[in-house]
């Protein structure tokens, strides 16, 4: 996001979406019926991926697949590579305490595959955030 506070206001006040208490100062989570919209600064997201924030075709948006454990992260990353994805950042331990990697799909979209040990998943694999 170019302006994180403005983006949070847009979704929270403009659209009326409820921000999860799991949100922190630098990241906001909005549960969306089995999906989670996470708002994070463009610069920090690019830094996490390991690519320049400007001039690289980076759109400032990634999709995230939430895996049940680190092993599933590795399996999904390998499936993506085998299917023709470009691995942008191999799966590894990350600063926020989880384990994740990024790939670029055949259309150039970034996808994060992550295990967040602080999040609970239900039987369908949906993230359960506090409301």
Protein backbone atom coordinates (compact mmCIF):
# COMPACT_ATOMS: atom_id res chain seq x y z
CA UNK A 1 0.00 0.00 0.00
CA UNK A 2 1.26 3.45 -0.85
CA UNK A 3 -0.44 4.93 2.22
CA UNK A 4 -1.32 2.26 4.78
CA UNK A 5 -3.48 4.44 7.08
CA UNK A 6 -5.48 5.67 4.07
CA UNK A 7 -5.99 2.08 2.86
CA UNK A 8 -7.13 0.95 6.32
CA UNK A 9 -9.62 3.84 6.47
CA UNK A 10 -10.93 2.91 3.01
CA UNK A 11 -11.68 -0.70 3.92
CA UNK A 12 -12.69 -0.10 7.55
CA UNK A 13 -14.69 3.13 7.27
CA UNK A 14 -15.46 3.29 3.57
CA UNK A 15 -16.51 -0.33 3.06
CA UNK A 16 -17.40 -1.12 6.67
CA UNK A 17 -15.16 -4.17 6.88
CA UNK A 18 -14.18 -5.20 10.41
CA UNK A 19 -10.47 -5.18 11.14
CA UNK A 20 -9.29 -8.17 13.16
CA UNK A 21 -7.71 -7.59 16.58
CA UNK A 22 -4.85 -9.74 15.22
CA UNK A 23 -3.84 -6.62 13.26
CA UNK A 24 -0.72 -4.77 14.33
CA UNK A 25 0.66 -1.28 13.77
CA UNK A 26 2.27 -2.14 10.42
CA UNK A 27 -0.25 -4.68 9.10
CA UNK A 28 -4.04 -4.84 9.10
CA UNK A 29 -6.06 -8.05 8.66
CA UNK A 30 -9.65 -8.16 7.43
CA UNK A 31 -11.32 -11.62 7.54
CA UNK A 32 -13.37 -12.18 4.38
CA UNK A 33 -15.21 -15.50 4.67
CA UNK A 34 -12.37 -17.96 4.31
CA UNK A 35 -9.91 -15.39 2.95
CA UNK A 36 -7.94 -12.66 4.66
CA UNK A 37 -7.15 -9.26 3.19
CA UNK A 38 -3.84 -8.13 4.67
CA UNK A 39 -2.80 -4.51 4.18
CA UNK A 40 0.94 -3.89 4.48
CA UNK A 41 3.23 -1.14 3.22
CA UNK A 42 4.47 -1.50 -0.35
CA UNK A 43 8.08 -1.01 0.72
CA UNK A 44 7.92 -3.60 3.51
CA UNK A 45 6.17 -6.13 1.25
CA UNK A 46 8.76 -5.67 -1.51
CA UNK A 47 11.50 -6.03 1.11
CA UNK A 48 9.92 -9.27 2.35
CA UNK A 49 9.75 -10.65 -1.20
CA UNK A 50 13.29 -9.46 -1.92
CA UNK A 51 12.50 -7.29 -4.96
CA UNK A 52 12.61 -3.53 -5.57
CA UNK A 53 9.45 -1.66 -4.57
CA UNK A 54 9.65 0.64 -7.60
CA UNK A 55 10.38 0.17 -11.27
CA UNK A 56 10.16 -3.61 -11.33
CA UNK A 57 6.58 -4.16 -12.35
CA UNK A 58 5.78 -4.90 -8.71
CA UNK A 59 2.09 -4.10 -8.25
CA UNK A 60 2.22 -4.01 -4.46
CA UNK A 61 -0.17 -6.94 -4.11
CA UNK A 62 0.36 -10.63 -3.40
CA UNK A 63 -1.95 -13.54 -2.85
CA UNK A 64 -1.14 -15.78 0.09
CA UNK A 65 -1.75 -19.48 0.49
CA UNK A 66 -1.86 -20.39 4.19
CA UNK A 67 -0.32 -23.80 4.76
CA UNK A 68 -0.95 -26.04 7.75
CA UNK A 69 2.76 -26.44 8.45
CA UNK A 70 6.25 -25.83 7.06
CA UNK A 71 6.24 -29.13 5.19
CA UNK A 72 3.15 -28.08 3.24
CA UNK A 73 4.86 -24.79 2.35
CA UNK A 74 7.71 -26.77 0.81
CA UNK A 75 5.33 -29.09 -1.06
CA UNK A 76 3.28 -26.22 -2.52
CA UNK A 77 6.41 -24.29 -3.53
CA UNK A 78 7.72 -27.37 -5.34
CA UNK A 79 4.35 -27.93 -7.03
CA UNK A 80 4.41 -24.32 -8.22
CA UNK A 81 7.98 -24.65 -9.55
CA UNK A 82 7.09 -27.90 -11.34
CA UNK A 83 4.05 -26.22 -12.89
CA UNK A 84 6.19 -23.45 -14.38
CA UNK A 85 6.22 -20.79 -11.66
CA UNK A 86 9.33 -18.73 -11.07
CA UNK A 87 10.55 -19.01 -7.48
CA UNK A 88 11.18 -15.43 -6.35
CA UNK A 89 12.05 -16.18 -2.73
CA UNK A 90 12.63 -19.77 -1.60
CA UNK A 91 10.74 -20.87 1.51
CA UNK A 92 12.54 -19.80 4.67
CA UNK A 93 12.03 -18.62 8.21
CA UNK A 94 10.85 -15.02 8.21
CA UNK A 95 11.15 -12.05 10.54
CA UNK A 96 7.56 -12.27 11.85
CA UNK A 97 8.04 -15.80 13.18
CA UNK A 98 6.60 -17.86 10.35
CA UNK A 99 7.92 -19.71 7.34
CA UNK A 100 7.21 -18.58 3.78
CA UNK A 101 8.33 -18.28 0.21
CA UNK A 102 7.12 -16.44 -2.89
CA UNK A 103 6.63 -17.48 -6.47
CA UNK A 104 5.54 -15.61 -9.57
CA UNK A 105 2.72 -17.34 -11.45
CA UNK A 106 2.75 -17.60 -15.26
CA UNK A 107 0.93 -14.25 -15.50
CA UNK A 108 3.48 -12.54 -13.27
CA UNK A 109 1.39 -12.36 -10.08
CA UNK A 110 3.21 -12.89 -6.81
CA UNK A 111 1.93 -15.64 -4.55
CA UNK A 112 3.17 -16.18 -1.01
CA UNK A 113 3.02 -19.66 0.47
CA UNK A 114 3.17 -19.28 4.24
CA UNK A 115 2.81 -21.11 7.49
CA UNK A 116 1.84 -18.73 10.28
CA UNK A 117 2.21 -20.56 13.60
CA UNK A 118 0.12 -17.87 15.28
CA UNK A 119 -3.00 -18.49 13.15
CA UNK A 120 -5.50 -21.28 13.52
CA UNK A 121 -6.93 -23.01 10.44
CA UNK A 122 -10.31 -24.77 10.44
CA UNK A 123 -11.07 -28.18 8.89
CA UNK A 124 -11.41 -26.58 5.43
CA UNK A 125 -8.05 -24.85 5.75
CA UNK A 126 -9.59 -21.42 6.25
CA UNK A 127 -7.81 -18.95 8.51
CA UNK A 128 -9.69 -18.19 11.72
CA UNK A 129 -8.96 -14.64 12.88
CA UNK A 130 -10.40 -13.07 16.00
CA UNK A 131 -13.42 -10.87 15.23
